[in-house]
Amino acid sequence: MLLTVILLQGTFTLSVYAHAGRTKAEKLRIELLSMREKNASTREELADSGELGHNRYHPEIKKVHESNNSRIREIITHIGWPTESIVREDGADAAWLIVQHAILESEFQKSALAF
């Protein structure tokens, strides 16, 4: 079965498989939620240990942001913005948070506003 999602910049065809009971869109949603959770848990651990907030970009949170930035760029390149119609509301919200935290890549943040 094929599901066609209409995006502002064209058409994206998403294959829907019953593999492990999840569609590709659902797998992407879960990945976005995991990325958001990794960001939150790393930030919380650093805050709890007193290592966050010393007027510097902590290397651990920077590493998470860089990884998330790389992956969200890949996602946007392949399907465009992961909208609610693709990854549900919580997945789209997670994508937005990931881009908001791309603080070292302001041009990327600006480009994401186009979506």
PDB file of N, CA and C in Angstrom:
ATOM      1  N   MET A   1       0.853  -1.169   0.000  1.00  0.00           N
ATOM      2  CA  MET A   1       0.000   0.000   0.000  1.00  0.00           C
ATOM      3  C   MET A   1       0.893   1.223   0.000  1.00  0.00           C
ATOM      4  N   LEU A   2       0.552   2.241  -0.762  1.00  0.00           N
ATOM      5  CA  LEU A   2       1.318   3.478  -0.800  1.00  0.00           C
ATOM      6  C   LEU A   2       0.458   4.623  -0.317  1.00  0.00           C
ATOM      7  N   LEU A   3       1.053   5.492   0.438  1.00  0.00           N
ATOM      8  CA  LEU A   3       0.397   6.673   0.951  1.00  0.00           C
ATOM      9  C   LEU A   3       1.127   7.866   0.374  1.00  0.00           C
ATOM     10  N   THR A   4       0.430   8.752  -0.290  1.00  0.00           N
ATOM     11  CA  THR A   4       1.065   9.938  -0.864  1.00  0.00           C
ATOM     12  C   THR A   4       0.729  11.129  -0.004  1.00  0.00           C
ATOM     13  N   VAL A   5       1.754  11.820   0.433  1.00  0.00           N
ATOM     14  CA  VAL A   5       1.612  12.997   1.268  1.00  0.00           C
ATOM     15  C   VAL A   5       1.962  14.204   0.425  1.00  0.00           C
ATOM     16  N   ILE A   6       1.083  15.185   0.357  1.00  0.00           N
ATOM     17  CA  ILE A   6       1.336  16.389  -0.416  1.00  0.00           C
ATOM     18  C   ILE A   6       2.049  17.401   0.487  1.00  0.00           C
ATOM     19  N   LEU A   7       3.208  17.856   0.044  1.00  0.00           N
ATOM     20  CA  LEU A   7       3.973  18.850   0.771  1.00  0.00           C
ATOM     21  C   LEU A   7       3.975  20.142  -0.022  1.00  0.00           C
ATOM     22  N   LEU A   8       4.320  21.242   0.599  1.00  0.00           N
ATOM     23  CA  LEU A   8       4.354  22.523  -0.087  1.00  0.00           C
ATOM     24  C   LEU A   8       5.318  22.517  -1.260  1.00  0.00           C
ATOM     25  N   GLN A   9       6.397  21.775  -1.157  1.00  0.00           N
ATOM     26  CA  GLN A   9       7.411  21.806  -2.192  1.00  0.00           C
ATOM     27  C   GLN A   9       7.338  20.579  -3.110  1.00  0.00           C
ATOM     28  N   GLY A  10       6.249  19.881  -3.148  1.00  0.00           N
ATOM     29  CA  GLY A  10       6.140  18.742  -4.038  1.00  0.00           C
ATOM     30  C   GLY A  10       5.423  17.576  -3.394  1.00  0.00           C
ATOM     31  N   THR A  11       5.594  16.442  -3.967  1.00  0.00           N
ATOM     32  CA  THR A  11       4.922  15.243  -3.494  1.00  0.00           C
ATOM     33  C   THR A  11       5.948  14.256  -2.986  1.00  0.00           C
ATOM     34  N   PHE A  12       5.664  13.663  -1.886  1.00  0.00           N
ATOM     35  CA  PHE A  12       6.527  12.657  -1.286  1.00  0.00           C
ATOM     36  C   PHE A  12       5.716  11.378  -1.169  1.00  0.00           C
ATOM     37  N   THR A  13       6.234  10.300  -1.673  1.00  0.00           N
ATOM     38  CA  THR A  13       5.525   9.018  -1.581  1.00  0.00           C
ATOM     39  C   THR A  13       6.138   8.209  -0.455  1.00  0.00           C
ATOM     40  N   LEU A  14       5.320   7.835   0.462  1.00  0.00           N
ATOM     41  CA  LEU A  14       5.758   7.098   1.641  1.00  0.00           C
ATOM     42  C   LEU A  14       5.231   5.674   1.543  1.00  0.00           C
ATOM     43  N   SER A  15       6.128   4.724   1.498  1.00  0.00           N
ATOM     44  CA  SER A  15       5.697   3.327   1.486  1.00  0.00           C
ATOM     45  C   SER A  15       5.270   2.940   2.889  1.00  0.00           C
ATOM     46  N   VAL A  16       4.184   2.270   2.986  1.00  0.00           N
ATOM     47  CA  VAL A  16       3.666   1.848   4.274  1.00  0.00           C
ATOM     48  C   VAL A  16       3.814   0.335   4.353  1.00  0.00           C
ATOM     49  N   TYR A  17       4.554  -0.115   5.321  1.00  0.00           N
ATOM     50  CA  TYR A  17       4.765  -1.543   5.517  1.00  0.00           C
ATOM     51  C   TYR A  17       4.186  -1.960   6.855  1.00  0.00           C
ATOM     52  N   ALA A  18       3.812  -3.183   6.942  1.00  0.00           N
ATOM     53  CA  ALA A  18       3.322  -3.722   8.200  1.00  0.00           C
ATOM     54  C   ALA A  18       4.474  -4.336   8.980  1.00  0.00           C
ATOM     55  N   HIS A  19       5.709  -4.015   8.600  1.00  0.00           N
ATOM     56  CA  HIS A  19       6.893  -4.555   9.257  1.00  0.00           C
ATOM     57  C   HIS A  19       6.865  -4.222  10.746  1.00  0.00           C
ATOM     58  N   ALA A  20       6.834  -5.244  11.542  1.00  0.00           N
ATOM     59  CA  ALA A  20       6.782  -5.109  13.001  1.00  0.00           C
ATOM     60  C   ALA A  20       5.607  -4.237  13.425  1.00  0.00           C
ATOM     61  N   GLY A  21       4.579  -4.156  12.587  1.00  0.00           N
ATOM     62  CA  GLY A  21       3.383  -3.409  12.949  1.00  0.00           C
ATOM     63  C   GLY A  21       3.542  -1.907  12.877  1.00  0.00           C
ATOM     64  N   ARG A  22       4.636  -1.413  12.313  1.00  0.00           N
ATOM     65  CA  ARG A  22       4.865   0.032  12.273  1.00  0.00           C
ATOM     66  C   ARG A  22       5.144   0.489  10.849  1.00  0.00           C
ATOM     67  N   THR A  23       4.642   1.667  10.524  1.00  0.00           N
ATOM     68  CA  THR A  23       4.926   2.265   9.228  1.00  0.00           C
ATOM     69  C   THR A  23       6.268   2.991   9.304  1.00  0.00           C
ATOM     70  N   LYS A  24       6.785   3.361   8.157  1.00  0.00           N
ATOM     71  CA  LYS A  24       8.011   4.172   8.144  1.00  0.00           C
ATOM     72  C   LYS A  24       7.775   5.491   8.864  1.00  0.00           C
ATOM     73  N   ALA A  25       6.589   6.045   8.686  1.00  0.00           N
ATOM     74  CA  ALA A  25       6.264   7.301   9.363  1.00  0.00           C
ATOM     75  C   ALA A  25       6.281   7.128  10.878  1.00  0.00           C
ATOM     76  N   GLU A  26       5.744   6.020  11.358  1.00  0.00           N
ATOM     77  CA  GLU A  26       5.731   5.771  12.803  1.00  0.00           C
ATOM     78  C   GLU A  26       7.147   5.562  13.326  1.00  0.00           C
ATOM     79  N   LYS A  27       7.976   4.875  12.554  1.00  0.00           N
ATOM     80  CA  LYS A  27       9.369   4.702  12.954  1.00  0.00           C
ATOM     81  C   LYS A  27      10.081   6.044  13.018  1.00  0.00           C
ATOM     82  N   LEU A  28       9.805   6.918  12.059  1.00  0.00           N
ATOM     83  CA  LEU A  28      10.402   8.250  12.068  1.00  0.00           C
ATOM     84  C   LEU A  28       9.917   9.038  13.277  1.00  0.00           C
ATOM     85  N   ARG A  29       8.627   8.938  13.579  1.00  0.00           N
ATOM     86  CA  ARG A  29       8.069   9.611  14.764  1.00  0.00           C
ATOM     87  C   ARG A  29       8.795   9.158  16.029  1.00  0.00           C
ATOM     88  N   ILE A  30       8.975   7.860  16.170  1.00  0.00           N
ATOM     89  CA  ILE A  30       9.655   7.312  17.348  1.00  0.00           C
ATOM     90  C   ILE A  30      11.096   7.808  17.401  1.00  0.00           C
ATOM     91  N   GLU A  31      11.754   7.875  16.256  1.00  0.00           N
ATOM     92  CA  GLU A  31      13.124   8.387  16.221  1.00  0.00           C
ATOM     93  C   GLU A  31      13.181   9.844  16.666  1.00  0.00           C
ATOM     94  N   LEU A  32      12.258  10.671  16.179  1.00  0.00           N
ATOM     95  CA  LEU A  32      12.221  12.083  16.581  1.00  0.00           C
ATOM     96  C   LEU A  32      11.968  12.225  18.080  1.00  0.00           C
ATOM     97  N   LEU A  33      11.054  11.427  18.610  1.00  0.00           N
ATOM     98  CA  LEU A  33      10.778  11.471  20.051  1.00  0.00           C
ATOM     99  C   LEU A  33      12.001  11.030  20.849  1.00  0.00           C
ATOM    100  N   SER A  34      12.729  10.054  20.348  1.00  0.00           N
ATOM    101  CA  SER A  34      13.957   9.600  21.020  1.00  0.00           C
ATOM    102  C   SER A  34      15.031  10.683  20.996  1.00  0.00           C
ATOM    103  N   MET A  35      15.133  11.380  19.891  1.00  0.00           N
ATOM    104  CA  MET A  35      16.104  12.473  19.788  1.00  0.00           C
ATOM    105  C   MET A  35      15.766  13.576  20.800  1.00  0.00           C
ATOM    106  N   ARG A  36      14.468  13.905  20.895  1.00  0.00           N
ATOM    107  CA  ARG A  36      14.041  14.917  21.867  1.00  0.00           C
ATOM    108  C   ARG A  36      14.344  14.461  23.288  1.00  0.00           C
ATOM    109  N   GLU A  37      14.074  13.189  23.574  1.00  0.00           N
ATOM    110  CA  GLU A  37      14.318  12.640  24.911  1.00  0.00           C
ATOM    111  C   GLU A  37      15.804  12.651  25.251  1.00  0.00           C
ATOM    112  N   LYS A  38      16.652  12.315  24.294  1.00  0.00           N
ATOM    113  CA  LYS A  38      18.106  12.338  24.524  1.00  0.00           C
ATOM    114  C   LYS A  38      18.551  13.753  24.866  1.00  0.00           C
ATOM    115  N   ASN A  39      18.019  14.738  24.167  1.00  0.00           N
ATOM    116  CA  ASN A  39      18.334  16.133  24.459  1.00  0.00           C
ATOM    117  C   ASN A  39      17.908  16.485  25.881  1.00  0.00           C
ATOM    118  N   ALA A  40      16.678  16.133  26.230  1.00  0.00           N
ATOM    119  CA  ALA A  40      16.143  16.470  27.559  1.00  0.00           C
ATOM    120  C   ALA A  40      16.891  15.744  28.672  1.00  0.00           C
ATOM    121  N   SER A  41      17.168  14.459  28.484  1.00  0.00           N
ATOM    122  CA  SER A  41      17.826  13.696  29.551  1.00  0.00           C
ATOM    123  C   SER A  41      19.273  14.147  29.743  1.00  0.00           C
ATOM    124  N   THR A  42      19.955  14.472  28.654  1.00  0.00           N
ATOM    125  CA  THR A  42      21.334  14.965  28.781  1.00  0.00           C
ATOM    126  C   THR A  42      21.344  16.301  29.496  1.00  0.00           C
ATOM    127  N   ARG A  43      20.434  17.178  29.116  1.00  0.00           N
ATOM    128  CA  ARG A  43      20.344  18.489  29.766  1.00  0.00           C
ATOM    129  C   ARG A  43      20.032  18.335  31.256  1.00  0.00           C
ATOM    130  N   GLU A  44      19.104  17.449  31.581  1.00  0.00           N
ATOM    131  CA  GLU A  44      18.726  17.217  32.976  1.00  0.00           C
ATOM    132  C   GLU A  44      19.896  16.662  33.786  1.00  0.00           C
ATOM    133  N   GLU A  45      20.618  15.697  33.227  1.00  0.00           N
ATOM    134  CA  GLU A  45      21.776  15.121  33.921  1.00  0.00           C
ATOM    135  C   GLU A  45      22.835  16.185  34.202  1.00  0.00           C
ATOM    136  N   LEU A  46      23.089  17.030  33.214  1.00  0.00           N
ATOM    137  CA  LEU A  46      24.091  18.086  33.386  1.00  0.00           C
ATOM    138  C   LEU A  46      23.624  19.129  34.397  1.00  0.00           C
ATOM    139  N   ALA A  47      22.344  19.455  34.372  1.00  0.00           N
ATOM    140  CA  ALA A  47      21.807  20.414  35.341  1.00  0.00           C
ATOM    141  C   ALA A  47      21.866  19.841  36.753  1.00  0.00           C
ATOM    142  N   ASP A  48      21.492  18.574  36.903  1.00  0.00           N
ATOM    143  CA  ASP A  48      21.513  17.927  38.216  1.00  0.00           C
ATOM    144  C   ASP A  48      22.924  17.833  38.792  1.00  0.00           C
ATOM    145  N   SER A  49      23.909  17.658  37.921  1.00  0.00           N
ATOM    146  CA  SER A  49      25.293  17.537  38.387  1.00  0.00           C
ATOM    147  C   SER A  49      25.964  18.895  38.578  1.00  0.00           C
ATOM    148  N   GLY A  50      25.242  19.965  38.228  1.00  0.00           N
ATOM    149  CA  GLY A  50      25.810  21.309  38.364  1.00  0.00           C
ATOM    150  C   GLY A  50      26.744  21.702  37.227  1.00  0.00           C
ATOM    151  N   GLU A  51      26.780  20.892  36.173  1.00  0.00           N
ATOM    152  CA  GLU A  51      27.689  21.167  35.065  1.00  0.00           C
ATOM    153  C   GLU A  51      27.088  22.060  33.984  1.00  0.00           C
ATOM    154  N   LEU A  52      25.821  22.345  34.069  1.00  0.00           N
ATOM    155  CA  LEU A  52      25.159  23.154  33.057  1.00  0.00           C
ATOM    156  C   LEU A  52      25.002  24.575  33.572  1.00  0.00           C
ATOM    157  N   GLY A  53      25.146  25.540  32.686  1.00  0.00           N
ATOM    158  CA  GLY A  53      24.900  26.920  33.062  1.00  0.00           C
ATOM    159  C   GLY A  53      26.121  27.690  33.504  1.00  0.00           C
ATOM    160  N   HIS A  54      27.285  27.283  33.079  1.00  0.00           N
ATOM    161  CA  HIS A  54      28.506  27.993  33.444  1.00  0.00           C
ATOM    162  C   HIS A  54      28.997  28.858  32.293  1.00  0.00           C
ATOM    163  N   ASN A  55      28.041  29.467  31.576  1.00  0.00           N
ATOM    164  CA  ASN A  55      28.343  30.362  30.467  1.00  0.00           C
ATOM    165  C   ASN A  55      29.214  29.717  29.396  1.00  0.00           C
ATOM    166  N   ARG A  56      29.033  28.440  29.205  1.00  0.00           N
ATOM    167  CA  ARG A  56      29.717  27.759  28.115  1.00  0.00           C
ATOM    168  C   ARG A  56      28.798  26.679  27.570  1.00  0.00           C
ATOM    169  N   TYR A  57      29.078  26.279  26.360  1.00  0.00           N
ATOM    170  CA  TYR A  57      28.296  25.234  25.699  1.00  0.00           C
ATOM    171  C   TYR A  57      28.930  23.911  26.093  1.00  0.00           C
ATOM    172  N   HIS A  58      28.288  23.195  26.989  1.00  0.00           N
ATOM    173  CA  HIS A  58      28.856  21.957  27.515  1.00  0.00           C
ATOM    174  C   HIS A  58      29.084  20.953  26.378  1.00  0.00           C
ATOM    175  N   PRO A  59      30.245  20.311  26.354  1.00  0.00           N
ATOM    176  CA  PRO A  59      30.566  19.367  25.268  1.00  0.00           C
ATOM    177  C   PRO A  59      29.560  18.230  25.109  1.00  0.00           C
ATOM    178  N   GLU A  60      28.961  17.771  26.203  1.00  0.00           N
ATOM    179  CA  GLU A  60      27.998  16.665  26.104  1.00  0.00           C
ATOM    180  C   GLU A  60      26.714  17.100  25.398  1.00  0.00           C
ATOM    181  N   ILE A  61      26.190  18.256  25.753  1.00  0.00           N
ATOM    182  CA  ILE A  61      24.955  18.719  25.105  1.00  0.00           C
ATOM    183  C   ILE A  61      25.263  19.142  23.677  1.00  0.00           C
ATOM    184  N   LYS A  62      26.451  19.670  23.447  1.00  0.00           N
ATOM    185  CA  LYS A  62      26.863  20.028  22.090  1.00  0.00           C
ATOM    186  C   LYS A  62      26.884  18.783  21.205  1.00  0.00           C
ATOM    187  N   LYS A  63      27.397  17.693  21.732  1.00  0.00           N
ATOM    188  CA  LYS A  63      27.461  16.434  20.990  1.00  0.00           C
ATOM    189  C   LYS A  63      26.052  15.948  20.618  1.00  0.00           C
ATOM    190  N   VAL A  64      25.128  16.044  21.561  1.00  0.00           N
ATOM    191  CA  VAL A  64      23.738  15.649  21.300  1.00  0.00           C
ATOM    192  C   VAL A  64      23.139  16.547  20.226  1.00  0.00           C
ATOM    193  N   HIS A  65      23.351  17.853  20.359  1.00  0.00           N
ATOM    194  CA  HIS A  65      22.798  18.793  19.375  1.00  0.00           C
ATOM    195  C   HIS A  65      23.378  18.540  17.986  1.00  0.00           C
ATOM    196  N   GLU A  66      24.670  18.308  17.895  1.00  0.00           N
ATOM    197  CA  GLU A  66      25.286  18.058  16.594  1.00  0.00           C
ATOM    198  C   GLU A  66      24.723  16.791  15.945  1.00  0.00           C
ATOM    199  N   SER A  67      24.553  15.754  16.733  1.00  0.00           N
ATOM    200  CA  SER A  67      23.977  14.517  16.217  1.00  0.00           C
ATOM    201  C   SER A  67      22.539  14.738  15.753  1.00  0.00           C
ATOM    202  N   ASN A  68      21.750  15.403  16.581  1.00  0.00           N
ATOM    203  CA  ASN A  68      20.363  15.694  16.232  1.00  0.00           C
ATOM    204  C   ASN A  68      20.278  16.582  14.993  1.00  0.00           C
ATOM    205  N   ASN A  69      21.161  17.596  14.913  1.00  0.00           N
ATOM    206  CA  ASN A  69      21.158  18.503  13.767  1.00  0.00           C
ATOM    207  C   ASN A  69      21.424  17.737  12.477  1.00  0.00           C
ATOM    208  N   SER A  70      22.398  16.861  12.523  1.00  0.00           N
ATOM    209  CA  SER A  70      22.752  16.079  11.346  1.00  0.00           C
ATOM    210  C   SER A  70      21.569  15.232  10.883  1.00  0.00           C
ATOM    211  N   ARG A  71      20.927  14.583  11.817  1.00  0.00           N
ATOM    212  CA  ARG A  71      19.815  13.698  11.460  1.00  0.00           C
ATOM    213  C   ARG A  71      18.596  14.473  10.988  1.00  0.00           C
ATOM    214  N   ILE A  72      18.255  15.589  11.636  1.00  0.00           N
ATOM    215  CA  ILE A  72      17.072  16.336  11.206  1.00  0.00           C
ATOM    216  C   ILE A  72      17.294  16.928   9.814  1.00  0.00           C
ATOM    217  N   ARG A  73      18.538  17.294   9.504  1.00  0.00           N
ATOM    218  CA  ARG A  73      18.860  17.756   8.147  1.00  0.00           C
ATOM    219  C   ARG A  73      18.589  16.643   7.130  1.00  0.00           C
ATOM    220  N   GLU A  74      19.013  15.423   7.445  1.00  0.00           N
ATOM    221  CA  GLU A  74      18.765  14.279   6.549  1.00  0.00           C
ATOM    222  C   GLU A  74      17.275  14.074   6.340  1.00  0.00           C
ATOM    223  N   ILE A  75      16.537  14.149   7.411  1.00  0.00           N
ATOM    224  CA  ILE A  75      15.087  13.950   7.336  1.00  0.00           C
ATOM    225  C   ILE A  75      14.460  15.010   6.435  1.00  0.00           C
ATOM    226  N   ILE A  76      14.811  16.267   6.663  1.00  0.00           N
ATOM    227  CA  ILE A  76      14.250  17.360   5.873  1.00  0.00           C
ATOM    228  C   ILE A  76      14.653  17.237   4.411  1.00  0.00           C
ATOM    229  N   THR A  77      15.881  16.820   4.158  1.00  0.00           N
ATOM    230  CA  THR A  77      16.341  16.628   2.781  1.00  0.00           C
ATOM    231  C   THR A  77      15.518  15.557   2.071  1.00  0.00           C
ATOM    232  N   HIS A  78      15.183  14.487   2.774  1.00  0.00           N
ATOM    233  CA  HIS A  78      14.477  13.368   2.144  1.00  0.00           C
ATOM    234  C   HIS A  78      12.970  13.550   2.055  1.00  0.00           C
ATOM    235  N   ILE A  79      12.348  14.141   3.067  1.00  0.00           N
ATOM    236  CA  ILE A  79      10.876  14.212   3.049  1.00  0.00           C
ATOM    237  C   ILE A  79      10.326  15.617   3.220  1.00  0.00           C
ATOM    238  N   GLY A  80      11.185  16.596   3.437  1.00  0.00           N
ATOM    239  CA  GLY A  80      10.698  17.917   3.797  1.00  0.00           C
ATOM    240  C   GLY A  80      10.452  17.951   5.302  1.00  0.00           C
ATOM    241  N   TRP A  81       9.739  18.954   5.735  1.00  0.00           N
ATOM    242  CA  TRP A  81       9.469  19.079   7.170  1.00  0.00           C
ATOM    243  C   TRP A  81       8.593  17.909   7.631  1.00  0.00           C
ATOM    244  N   PRO A  82       8.955  17.263   8.752  1.00  0.00           N
ATOM    245  CA  PRO A  82       8.126  16.160   9.274  1.00  0.00           C
ATOM    246  C   PRO A  82       6.859  16.713   9.937  1.00  0.00           C
ATOM    247  N   THR A  83       5.825  16.843   9.148  1.00  0.00           N
ATOM    248  CA  THR A  83       4.582  17.465   9.596  1.00  0.00           C
ATOM    249  C   THR A  83       3.737  16.517  10.450  1.00  0.00           C
ATOM    250  N   GLU A  84       2.728  17.091  11.067  1.00  0.00           N
ATOM    251  CA  GLU A  84       1.800  16.302  11.885  1.00  0.00           C
ATOM    252  C   GLU A  84       1.142  15.191  11.070  1.00  0.00           C
ATOM    253  N   SER A  85       0.901  15.447   9.801  1.00  0.00           N
ATOM    254  CA  SER A  85       0.248  14.424   8.975  1.00  0.00           C
ATOM    255  C   SER A  85       1.174  13.234   8.706  1.00  0.00           C
ATOM    256  N   ILE A  86       2.464  13.418   8.905  1.00  0.00           N
ATOM    257  CA  ILE A  86       3.420  12.327   8.716  1.00  0.00           C
ATOM    258  C   ILE A  86       3.783  11.683  10.053  1.00  0.00           C
ATOM    259  N   VAL A  87       4.180  12.510  11.042  1.00  0.00           N
ATOM    260  CA  VAL A  87       4.725  11.982  12.310  1.00  0.00           C
ATOM    261  C   VAL A  87       3.877  12.334  13.531  1.00  0.00           C
ATOM    262  N   ARG A  88       2.648  12.714  13.295  1.00  0.00           N
ATOM    263  CA  ARG A  88       1.726  13.135  14.356  1.00  0.00           C
ATOM    264  C   ARG A  88       2.230  14.405  15.055  1.00  0.00           C
ATOM    265  N   GLU A  89       1.401  14.927  15.914  1.00  0.00           N
ATOM    266  CA  GLU A  89       1.701  16.201  16.561  1.00  0.00           C
ATOM    267  C   GLU A  89       2.962  16.138  17.424  1.00  0.00           C
ATOM    268  N   ASP A  90       3.105  15.076  18.215  1.00  0.00           N
ATOM    269  CA  ASP A  90       4.264  15.009  19.102  1.00  0.00           C
ATOM    270  C   ASP A  90       5.570  14.853  18.321  1.00  0.00           C
ATOM    271  N   GLY A  91       5.533  14.146  17.194  1.00  0.00           N
ATOM    272  CA  GLY A  91       6.726  14.013  16.357  1.00  0.00           C
ATOM    273  C   GLY A  91       7.109  15.331  15.707  1.00  0.00           C
ATOM    274  N   ALA A  92       6.111  16.069  15.227  1.00  0.00           N
ATOM    275  CA  ALA A  92       6.367  17.382  14.630  1.00  0.00           C
ATOM    276  C   ALA A  92       6.889  18.356  15.688  1.00  0.00           C
ATOM    277  N   ASP A  93       6.332  18.289  16.890  1.00  0.00           N
ATOM    278  CA  ASP A  93       6.819  19.137  17.990  1.00  0.00           C
ATOM    279  C   ASP A  93       8.266  18.789  18.339  1.00  0.00           C
ATOM    280  N   ALA A  94       8.596  17.510  18.323  1.00  0.00           N
ATOM    281  CA  ALA A  94       9.970  17.078  18.610  1.00  0.00           C
ATOM    282  C   ALA A  94      10.920  17.623  17.552  1.00  0.00           C
ATOM    283  N   ALA A  95      10.510  17.571  16.282  1.00  0.00           N
ATOM    284  CA  ALA A  95      11.342  18.105  15.205  1.00  0.00           C
ATOM    285  C   ALA A  95      11.599  19.599  15.413  1.00  0.00           C
ATOM    286  N   TRP A  96      10.557  20.322  15.800  1.00  0.00           N
ATOM    287  CA  TRP A  96      10.700  21.764  16.027  1.00  0.00           C
ATOM    288  C   TRP A  96      11.670  22.034  17.187  1.00  0.00           C
ATOM    289  N   LEU A  97      11.562  21.288  18.255  1.00  0.00           N
ATOM    290  CA  LEU A  97      12.474  21.467  19.388  1.00  0.00           C
ATOM    291  C   LEU A  97      13.919  21.182  18.967  1.00  0.00           C
ATOM    292  N   ILE A  98      14.113  20.153  18.176  1.00  0.00           N
ATOM    293  CA  ILE A  98      15.458  19.806  17.714  1.00  0.00           C
ATOM    294  C   ILE A  98      16.058  20.971  16.923  1.00  0.00           C
ATOM    295  N   VAL A  99      15.269  21.555  16.039  1.00  0.00           N
ATOM    296  CA  VAL A  99      15.762  22.696  15.257  1.00  0.00           C
ATOM    297  C   VAL A  99      15.987  23.906  16.156  1.00  0.00           C
ATOM    298  N   GLN A 100      15.129  24.134  17.117  1.00  0.00           N
ATOM    299  CA  GLN A 100      15.326  25.254  18.051  1.00  0.00           C
ATOM    300  C   GLN A 100      16.653  25.131  18.785  1.00  0.00           C
ATOM    301  N   HIS A 101      17.088  23.919  19.056  1.00  0.00           N
ATOM    302  CA  HIS A 101      18.325  23.702  19.801  1.00  0.00           C
ATOM    303  C   HIS A 101      19.551  23.611  18.908  1.00  0.00           C
ATOM    304  N   ALA A 102      19.390  23.893  17.626  1.00  0.00           N
ATOM    305  CA  ALA A 102      20.527  23.908  16.690  1.00  0.00           C
ATOM    306  C   ALA A 102      21.210  25.275  16.776  1.00  0.00           C
ATOM    307  N   ILE A 103      21.607  25.653  17.989  1.00  0.00           N
ATOM    308  CA  ILE A 103      22.055  27.020  18.243  1.00  0.00           C
ATOM    309  C   ILE A 103      23.360  27.394  17.563  1.00  0.00           C
ATOM    310  N   LEU A 104      24.143  26.432  17.178  1.00  0.00           N
ATOM    311  CA  LEU A 104      25.385  26.742  16.461  1.00  0.00           C
ATOM    312  C   LEU A 104      25.161  26.861  14.958  1.00  0.00           C
ATOM    313  N   GLU A 105      23.939  26.607  14.531  1.00  0.00           N
ATOM    314  CA  GLU A 105      23.632  26.619  13.104  1.00  0.00           C
ATOM    315  C   GLU A 105      22.439  27.539  12.835  1.00  0.00           C
ATOM    316  N   SER A 106      22.643  28.824  13.020  1.00  0.00           N
ATOM    317  CA  SER A 106      21.539  29.778  12.889  1.00  0.00           C
ATOM    318  C   SER A 106      20.980  29.819  11.464  1.00  0.00           C
ATOM    319  N   GLU A 107      21.807  29.620  10.456  1.00  0.00           N
ATOM    320  CA  GLU A 107      21.303  29.605   9.075  1.00  0.00           C
ATOM    321  C   GLU A 107      20.372  28.411   8.855  1.00  0.00           C
ATOM    322  N   PHE A 108      20.736  27.281   9.432  1.00  0.00           N
ATOM    323  CA  PHE A 108      19.866  26.110   9.348  1.00  0.00           C
ATOM    324  C   PHE A 108      18.542  26.396  10.050  1.00  0.00           C
ATOM    325  N   GLN A 109      18.600  27.016  11.225  1.00  0.00           N
ATOM    326  CA  GLN A 109      17.370  27.363  11.938  1.00  0.00           C
ATOM    327  C   GLN A 109      16.485  28.255  11.072  1.00  0.00           C
ATOM    328  N   LYS A 110      17.094  29.260  10.455  1.00  0.00           N
ATOM    329  CA  LYS A 110      16.324  30.175   9.596  1.00  0.00           C
ATOM    330  C   LYS A 110      15.706  29.436   8.423  1.00  0.00           C
ATOM    331  N   SER A 111      16.462  28.524   7.812  1.00  0.00           N
ATOM    332  CA  SER A 111      15.937  27.784   6.664  1.00  0.00           C
ATOM    333  C   SER A 111      14.757  26.906   7.085  1.00  0.00           C
ATOM    334  N   ALA A 112      14.768  26.409   8.300  1.00  0.00           N
ATOM    335  CA  ALA A 112      13.672  25.560   8.785  1.00  0.00           C
ATOM    336  C   ALA A 112      12.391  26.369   8.956  1.00  0.00           C
ATOM    337  N   LEU A 113      12.504  27.674   9.149  1.00  0.00           N
ATOM    338  CA  LEU A 113      11.319  28.519   9.281  1.00  0.00           C
ATOM    339  C   LEU A 113      10.488  28.532   8.003  1.00  0.00           C
ATOM    340  N   ALA A 114      11.132  28.207   6.886  1.00  0.00           N
ATOM    341  CA  ALA A 114      10.409  28.180   5.606  1.00  0.00           C
ATOM    342  C   ALA A 114       9.347  27.081   5.585  1.00  0.00           C
ATOM    343  N   PHE A 115       9.487  26.111   6.464  1.00  0.00           N
ATOM    344  CA  PHE A 115       8.523  25.018   6.501  1.00  0.00           C
ATOM    345  C   PHE A 115       7.405  25.393   7.423  1.00  0.00           C
TER     346      PHE A 115
END
